Amino acid sequence: MAAESSEPQRIAIFGGSFNPPHVAHVLAVVYALSTAPIDGVLVVPVFHHPFAKELASFEERLAMCERALGWIPRVVVSPVERDLGGASLTLRTVEHLAAAHPDWSLRLLIGSDVLGDLPKWHRFDRIAAMAPPLVLGRVGVVPPPPGDGPISIPAAPLPVLPRVSSTEIRAALAAGDLDAVRARVPASVLDYIEAHRLYRRADS
C-alpha cells in the first residue's frame, strides 16, 4: 500500500475473529473496494478476543485469512494485533495504525451484524472519530435503530452481504459435513481446515 501521491491513503480496517473466514468476508472486501471511497483494505484478525470467545489459534486464522483474502488486489492481511499482544481492542489497534502510518486516512469496515455489539466496545466514540465506520448490510440482520444513547450507532444500509454464520460453519465441520459448507467457505480455506483438522470434534 505504498503511496503514489501526497494525498493520504484511504485505508479500511477490516477486523474480526475470522474463525474461519468465509465467503461473506470475501464479498465484503470486494464490495467495499468496488464502491467505497477507499484505496485499500487492511484485514486484521483478532489476537485474543476481548469477549473471551474460543478461537482457532491466531497463526491458523492468519493463514486462513491469507488464503481467503490475501490474493485480492489492494488487500493486506496484517498480524498487527499479535504484534501488539494482549487482549485485542479496536481502539488500541486504530491508535497504533494512525501513529505508525500518519499518511493513512482510516475507516472501519464492519457488517451490520456487529452494530448491536457496539455499546460493548471500548470507547467506540473515539474509534468512530479516528476511523469513521463503513457499514455493510447483511441479509437476515435486524440491527438496532440509530439513536441518541451513550454512543451514536450508525444506521444499517440495505443488505448486500449474504447470511453466512461462522458458528454454523464450525458446527457443520465438527460433524464432518463438508458438503454443507462448500458454498460458504473458500476452497483454499476448506483445504487448510481439512489438512490441519480444525474444528473437528475430539472423537472424529
C-alpha atoms as a PDB file:
ATOM      1  CA  MET A   1       0.000   0.000   0.000  1.00  0.00           C
ATOM      2  CA  ALA A   2       2.720   2.431  -0.944  1.00  0.00           C
ATOM      3  CA  ALA A   3       1.549   5.974  -1.520  1.00  0.00           C
ATOM      4  CA  GLU A   4       1.626   7.183  -5.106  1.00  0.00           C
ATOM      5  CA  SER A   5       0.979  10.857  -4.310  1.00  0.00           C
ATOM      6  CA  SER A   6       0.976  13.330  -1.473  1.00  0.00           C
ATOM      7  CA  GLU A   7      -2.688  12.571  -0.825  1.00  0.00           C
ATOM      8  CA  PRO A   8      -3.437  10.407   2.237  1.00  0.00           C
ATOM      9  CA  GLN A   9      -4.081   6.747   1.519  1.00  0.00           C
ATOM     10  CA  ARG A  10      -7.661   5.834   2.389  1.00  0.00           C
ATOM     11  CA  ILE A  11      -7.406   2.513   4.212  1.00  0.00           C
ATOM     12  CA  ALA A  12     -10.314   0.498   5.600  1.00  0.00           C
ATOM     13  CA  ILE A  13      -9.542  -1.676   8.623  1.00  0.00           C
ATOM     14  CA  PHE A  14     -11.466  -4.954   8.443  1.00  0.00           C
ATOM     15  CA  GLY A  15     -11.106  -6.738  11.760  1.00  0.00           C
ATOM     16  CA  GLY A  16     -12.723  -9.847  13.119  1.00  0.00           C
ATOM     17  CA  SER A  17     -12.292 -13.309  14.544  1.00  0.00           C
ATOM     18  CA  PHE A  18     -12.236 -14.936  11.077  1.00  0.00           C
ATOM     19  CA  ASN A  19     -12.966 -18.260  12.748  1.00  0.00           C
ATOM     20  CA  PRO A  20     -12.959 -19.306   9.946  1.00  0.00           C
ATOM     21  CA  PRO A  21     -13.015 -16.665   7.189  1.00  0.00           C
ATOM     22  CA  HIS A  22     -15.893 -17.321   4.814  1.00  0.00           C
ATOM     23  CA  VAL A  23     -17.349 -16.069   1.536  1.00  0.00           C
ATOM     24  CA  ALA A  24     -19.203 -13.152   3.159  1.00  0.00           C
ATOM     25  CA  HIS A  25     -15.832 -11.802   4.316  1.00  0.00           C
ATOM     26  CA  VAL A  26     -14.524 -12.076   0.757  1.00  0.00           C
ATOM     27  CA  LEU A  27     -17.612 -10.365  -0.638  1.00  0.00           C
ATOM     28  CA  ALA A  28     -17.395  -7.599   1.977  1.00  0.00           C
ATOM     29  CA  VAL A  29     -13.840  -6.722   0.977  1.00  0.00           C
ATOM     30  CA  VAL A  30     -14.528  -6.830  -2.758  1.00  0.00           C
ATOM     31  CA  TYR A  31     -17.736  -4.824  -2.371  1.00  0.00           C
ATOM     32  CA  ALA A  32     -16.027  -2.165  -0.263  1.00  0.00           C
ATOM     33  CA  LEU A  33     -13.117  -1.833  -2.680  1.00  0.00           C
ATOM     34  CA  SER A  34     -15.580  -1.559  -5.570  1.00  0.00           C
ATOM     35  CA  THR A  35     -17.953   1.003  -4.087  1.00  0.00           C
ATOM     36  CA  ALA A  36     -16.449   2.828  -1.103  1.00  0.00           C
ATOM     37  CA  PRO A  37     -14.045   5.796  -1.198  1.00  0.00           C
ATOM     38  CA  ILE A  38     -11.048   3.714  -0.118  1.00  0.00           C
ATOM     39  CA  ASP A  39      -7.704   2.782  -1.654  1.00  0.00           C
ATOM     40  CA  GLY A  40      -7.085  -0.458   0.207  1.00  0.00           C
ATOM     41  CA  VAL A  41      -8.221  -2.817   2.947  1.00  0.00           C
ATOM     42  CA  LEU A  42      -6.167  -3.985   5.925  1.00  0.00           C
ATOM     43  CA  VAL A  43      -7.507  -7.323   7.178  1.00  0.00           C
ATOM     44  CA  VAL A  44      -6.824  -7.624  10.927  1.00  0.00           C
ATOM     45  CA  PRO A  45      -7.542 -10.968  12.622  1.00  0.00           C
ATOM     46  CA  VAL A  46      -8.157 -10.587  16.355  1.00  0.00           C
ATOM     47  CA  PHE A  47      -5.362 -11.944  18.594  1.00  0.00           C
ATOM     48  CA  HIS A  48      -7.106 -12.529  21.942  1.00  0.00           C
ATOM     49  CA  HIS A  49     -10.830 -11.844  21.702  1.00  0.00           C
ATOM     50  CA  PRO A  50     -11.934  -9.226  24.271  1.00  0.00           C
ATOM     51  CA  PHE A  51     -15.185 -11.159  24.853  1.00  0.00           C
ATOM     52  CA  ALA A  52     -13.201 -14.374  25.532  1.00  0.00           C
ATOM     53  CA  LYS A  53     -14.556 -16.286  22.545  1.00  0.00           C
ATOM     54  CA  GLU A  54     -12.909 -19.641  21.900  1.00  0.00           C
ATOM     55  CA  LEU A  55     -10.976 -19.437  18.649  1.00  0.00           C
ATOM     56  CA  ALA A  56      -8.621 -21.441  16.491  1.00  0.00           C
ATOM     57  CA  SER A  57      -5.031 -20.318  17.045  1.00  0.00           C
ATOM     58  CA  PHE A  58      -4.021 -16.907  15.767  1.00  0.00           C
ATOM     59  CA  GLU A  59      -1.476 -18.376  13.343  1.00  0.00           C
ATOM     60  CA  GLU A  60      -4.124 -20.687  11.875  1.00  0.00           C
ATOM     61  CA  ARG A  61      -6.625 -17.867  11.441  1.00  0.00           C
ATOM     62  CA  LEU A  62      -3.947 -15.621   9.952  1.00  0.00           C
ATOM     63  CA  ALA A  63      -3.050 -18.342   7.455  1.00  0.00           C
ATOM     64  CA  MET A  64      -6.718 -18.832   6.548  1.00  0.00           C
ATOM     65  CA  CYS A  65      -7.158 -15.085   6.045  1.00  0.00           C
ATOM     66  CA  GLU A  66      -4.159 -15.076   3.689  1.00  0.00           C
ATOM     67  CA  ARG A  67      -5.810 -17.816   1.660  1.00  0.00           C
ATOM     68  CA  ALA A  68      -9.277 -16.252   1.694  1.00  0.00           C
ATOM     69  CA  LEU A  69      -8.375 -12.592   1.206  1.00  0.00           C
ATOM     70  CA  GLY A  70      -4.658 -12.101   0.582  1.00  0.00           C
ATOM     71  CA  TRP A  71      -4.961 -12.718  -3.163  1.00  0.00           C
ATOM     72  CA  ILE A  72      -7.298  -9.735  -3.671  1.00  0.00           C
ATOM     73  CA  PRO A  73      -5.542  -6.650  -5.108  1.00  0.00           C
ATOM     74  CA  ARG A  74      -5.164  -3.760  -2.634  1.00  0.00           C
ATOM     75  CA  VAL A  75      -5.697  -6.088   0.347  1.00  0.00           C
ATOM     76  CA  VAL A  76      -3.086  -6.767   3.038  1.00  0.00           C
ATOM     77  CA  VAL A  77      -3.561  -9.293   5.850  1.00  0.00           C
ATOM     78  CA  SER A  78      -1.901  -7.901   8.970  1.00  0.00           C
ATOM     79  CA  PRO A  79      -0.625  -9.575  12.172  1.00  0.00           C
ATOM     80  CA  VAL A  80      -0.720  -6.217  13.969  1.00  0.00           C
ATOM     81  CA  GLU A  81      -2.876  -7.423  16.879  1.00  0.00           C
ATOM     82  CA  ARG A  82      -0.474 -10.298  17.549  1.00  0.00           C
ATOM     83  CA  ASP A  83       2.392  -7.796  17.486  1.00  0.00           C
ATOM     84  CA  LEU A  84       0.574  -5.565  19.971  1.00  0.00           C
ATOM     85  CA  GLY A  85      -0.100  -8.562  22.237  1.00  0.00           C
ATOM     86  CA  GLY A  86      -2.667  -8.987  24.983  1.00  0.00           C
ATOM     87  CA  ALA A  87      -6.424  -8.655  24.603  1.00  0.00           C
ATOM     88  CA  SER A  88      -7.335  -7.114  21.271  1.00  0.00           C
ATOM     89  CA  LEU A  89      -9.061  -3.754  21.494  1.00  0.00           C
ATOM     90  CA  THR A  90     -10.095  -1.985  18.316  1.00  0.00           C
ATOM     91  CA  LEU A  91      -9.238   1.410  19.777  1.00  0.00           C
ATOM     92  CA  ARG A  92      -5.678   0.352  20.559  1.00  0.00           C
ATOM     93  CA  THR A  93      -5.267  -1.056  17.049  1.00  0.00           C
ATOM     94  CA  VAL A  94      -6.654   2.078  15.407  1.00  0.00           C
ATOM     95  CA  GLU A  95      -4.459   4.337  17.528  1.00  0.00           C
ATOM     96  CA  HIS A  96      -1.389   2.236  16.732  1.00  0.00           C
ATOM     97  CA  LEU A  97      -2.077   2.261  12.992  1.00  0.00           C
ATOM     98  CA  ALA A  98      -2.768   6.004  12.983  1.00  0.00           C
ATOM     99  CA  ALA A  99       0.546   6.661  14.729  1.00  0.00           C
ATOM    100  CA  ALA A 100       2.507   4.205  12.579  1.00  0.00           C
ATOM    101  CA  HIS A 101       1.001   5.446   9.308  1.00  0.00           C
ATOM    102  CA  PRO A 102       0.336   9.194   9.533  1.00  0.00           C
ATOM    103  CA  ASP A 103      -0.212   9.192   5.758  1.00  0.00           C
ATOM    104  CA  TRP A 104      -3.269   6.940   6.134  1.00  0.00           C
ATOM    105  CA  SER A 105      -6.847   8.158   6.372  1.00  0.00           C
ATOM    106  CA  LEU A 106      -8.590   5.364   8.255  1.00  0.00           C
ATOM    107  CA  ARG A 107     -12.066   3.876   8.018  1.00  0.00           C
ATOM    108  CA  LEU A 108     -13.509   0.927   9.931  1.00  0.00           C
ATOM    109  CA  LEU A 109     -15.215  -1.685   7.749  1.00  0.00           C
ATOM    110  CA  ILE A 110     -17.948  -3.547   9.648  1.00  0.00           C
ATOM    111  CA  GLY A 111     -21.033  -5.589   8.875  1.00  0.00           C
ATOM    112  CA  SER A 112     -24.445  -4.600  10.173  1.00  0.00           C
ATOM    113  CA  ASP A 113     -24.429  -7.741  12.348  1.00  0.00           C
ATOM    114  CA  VAL A 114     -21.976  -6.079  14.766  1.00  0.00           C
ATOM    115  CA  LEU A 115     -23.969  -2.880  15.257  1.00  0.00           C
ATOM    116  CA  GLY A 116     -25.745  -4.323  18.278  1.00  0.00           C
ATOM    117  CA  ASP A 117     -22.393  -5.022  19.945  1.00  0.00           C
ATOM    118  CA  LEU A 118     -21.015  -1.502  19.560  1.00  0.00           C
ATOM    119  CA  PRO A 119     -22.170  -0.337  23.026  1.00  0.00           C
ATOM    120  CA  LYS A 120     -19.880  -3.060  24.476  1.00  0.00           C
ATOM    121  CA  TRP A 121     -16.832  -1.823  22.580  1.00  0.00           C
ATOM    122  CA  HIS A 122     -14.228   0.153  24.484  1.00  0.00           C
ATOM    123  CA  ARG A 123     -14.588   3.830  23.520  1.00  0.00           C
ATOM    124  CA  PHE A 124     -16.422   3.321  20.250  1.00  0.00           C
ATOM    125  CA  ASP A 125     -16.930   7.078  20.141  1.00  0.00           C
ATOM    126  CA  ARG A 126     -13.151   7.524  19.898  1.00  0.00           C
ATOM    127  CA  ILE A 127     -12.859   4.744  17.316  1.00  0.00           C
ATOM    128  CA  ALA A 128     -15.557   6.344  15.154  1.00  0.00           C
ATOM    129  CA  ALA A 129     -13.815   9.713  15.343  1.00  0.00           C
ATOM    130  CA  MET A 130     -10.490   8.260  14.210  1.00  0.00           C
ATOM    131  CA  ALA A 131     -11.833   5.712  11.699  1.00  0.00           C
ATOM    132  CA  PRO A 132     -15.418   6.518  10.652  1.00  0.00           C
ATOM    133  CA  PRO A 133     -17.357   3.284  10.070  1.00  0.00           C
ATOM    134  CA  LEU A 134     -18.183   1.892   6.665  1.00  0.00           C
ATOM    135  CA  VAL A 135     -21.197  -0.334   7.380  1.00  0.00           C
ATOM    136  CA  LEU A 136     -22.270  -3.104   5.002  1.00  0.00           C
ATOM    137  CA  GLY A 137     -25.766  -4.509   5.354  1.00  0.00           C
ATOM    138  CA  ARG A 138     -26.195  -8.240   5.855  1.00  0.00           C
ATOM    139  CA  VAL A 139     -29.214 -10.343   4.931  1.00  0.00           C
ATOM    140  CA  GLY A 140     -31.243 -11.502   7.927  1.00  0.00           C
ATOM    141  CA  VAL A 141     -29.776  -8.987  10.370  1.00  0.00           C
ATOM    142  CA  VAL A 142     -32.091  -6.545  12.121  1.00  0.00           C
ATOM    143  CA  PRO A 143     -29.718  -4.034  13.715  1.00  0.00           C
ATOM    144  CA  PRO A 144     -30.719  -1.624  16.463  1.00  0.00           C
ATOM    145  CA  PRO A 145     -32.010   1.693  15.196  1.00  0.00           C
ATOM    146  CA  PRO A 146     -29.612   4.621  15.345  1.00  0.00           C
ATOM    147  CA  GLY A 147     -30.388   6.646  18.430  1.00  0.00           C
ATOM    148  CA  ASP A 148     -29.270   9.156  20.994  1.00  0.00           C
ATOM    149  CA  GLY A 149     -27.858   6.707  23.546  1.00  0.00           C
ATOM    150  CA  PRO A 150     -24.406   6.733  25.151  1.00  0.00           C
ATOM    151  CA  ILE A 151     -22.845   6.226  21.710  1.00  0.00           C
ATOM    152  CA  SER A 152     -24.042   7.058  18.241  1.00  0.00           C
ATOM    153  CA  ILE A 153     -24.795   3.784  16.435  1.00  0.00           C
ATOM    154  CA  PRO A 154     -24.537   4.060  12.637  1.00  0.00           C
ATOM    155  CA  ALA A 155     -27.583   3.283  10.550  1.00  0.00           C
ATOM    156  CA  ALA A 156     -27.568  -0.013   8.649  1.00  0.00           C
ATOM    157  CA  PRO A 157     -27.731   0.219   4.845  1.00  0.00           C
ATOM    158  CA  LEU A 158     -29.676  -2.177   2.641  1.00  0.00           C
ATOM    159  CA  PRO A 159     -28.317  -5.744   2.767  1.00  0.00           C
ATOM    160  CA  VAL A 160     -25.543  -6.552   0.309  1.00  0.00           C
ATOM    161  CA  LEU A 161     -23.930  -9.493   2.100  1.00  0.00           C
ATOM    162  CA  PRO A 162     -25.433 -12.989   2.324  1.00  0.00           C
ATOM    163  CA  ARG A 163     -26.307 -14.569   5.633  1.00  0.00           C
ATOM    164  CA  VAL A 164     -23.296 -16.740   6.442  1.00  0.00           C
ATOM    165  CA  SER A 165     -22.638 -17.835  10.016  1.00  0.00           C
ATOM    166  CA  SER A 166     -19.202 -18.875  11.278  1.00  0.00           C
ATOM    167  CA  THR A 167     -20.952 -20.636  14.160  1.00  0.00           C
ATOM    168  CA  GLU A 168     -22.980 -22.770  11.749  1.00  0.00           C
ATOM    169  CA  ILE A 169     -19.894 -23.457   9.640  1.00  0.00           C
ATOM    170  CA  ARG A 170     -17.951 -24.672  12.681  1.00  0.00           C
ATOM    171  CA  ALA A 171     -20.868 -26.901  13.731  1.00  0.00           C
ATOM    172  CA  ALA A 172     -21.012 -28.497  10.276  1.00  0.00           C
ATOM    173  CA  LEU A 173     -17.245 -29.024  10.261  1.00  0.00           C
ATOM    174  CA  ALA A 174     -17.397 -30.588  13.733  1.00  0.00           C
ATOM    175  CA  ALA A 175     -19.976 -33.022  12.381  1.00  0.00           C
ATOM    176  CA  GLY A 176     -17.818 -33.799   9.356  1.00  0.00           C
ATOM    177  CA  ASP A 177     -20.423 -32.378   6.960  1.00  0.00           C
ATOM    178  CA  LEU A 178     -18.153 -30.766   4.373  1.00  0.00           C
ATOM    179  CA  ASP A 179     -20.877 -30.589   1.739  1.00  0.00           C
ATOM    180  CA  ALA A 180     -22.821 -28.211   3.985  1.00  0.00           C
ATOM    181  CA  VAL A 181     -20.024 -25.631   3.907  1.00  0.00           C
ATOM    182  CA  ARG A 182     -18.527 -25.880   0.417  1.00  0.00           C
ATOM    183  CA  ALA A 183     -20.624 -22.963  -0.842  1.00  0.00           C
ATOM    184  CA  ARG A 184     -19.807 -20.825   2.207  1.00  0.00           C
ATOM    185  CA  VAL A 185     -16.071 -21.304   2.718  1.00  0.00           C
ATOM    186  CA  PRO A 186     -13.387 -20.530   0.103  1.00  0.00           C
ATOM    187  CA  ALA A 187     -11.955 -23.765  -1.283  1.00  0.00           C
ATOM    188  CA  SER A 188      -8.391 -22.850  -0.242  1.00  0.00           C
ATOM    189  CA  VAL A 189      -9.580 -22.249   3.325  1.00  0.00           C
ATOM    190  CA  LEU A 190     -11.504 -25.518   3.416  1.00  0.00           C
ATOM    191  CA  ASP A 191      -8.400 -27.340   2.184  1.00  0.00           C
ATOM    192  CA  TYR A 192      -6.402 -25.757   5.024  1.00  0.00           C
ATOM    193  CA  ILE A 193      -9.063 -26.686   7.583  1.00  0.00           C
ATOM    194  CA  GLU A 194      -9.045 -30.288   6.416  1.00  0.00           C
ATOM    195  CA  ALA A 195      -5.241 -30.510   6.293  1.00  0.00           C
ATOM    196  CA  HIS A 196      -4.964 -29.209   9.861  1.00  0.00           C
ATOM    197  CA  ARG A 197      -8.102 -30.961  11.136  1.00  0.00           C
ATOM    198  CA  LEU A 198      -9.532 -27.741  12.520  1.00  0.00           C
ATOM    199  CA  TYR A 199     -12.935 -27.547  14.218  1.00  0.00           C
ATOM    200  CA  ARG A 200     -13.170 -31.331  14.459  1.00  0.00           C
ATOM    201  CA  ARG A 201     -14.727 -32.993  17.477  1.00  0.00           C
ATOM    202  CA  ALA A 202     -12.200 -34.812  19.650  1.00  0.00           C
ATOM    203  CA  ASP A 203     -13.718 -38.165  18.657  1.00  0.00           C
ATOM    204  CA  SER A 204     -13.731 -37.504  14.909  1.00  0.00           C
END
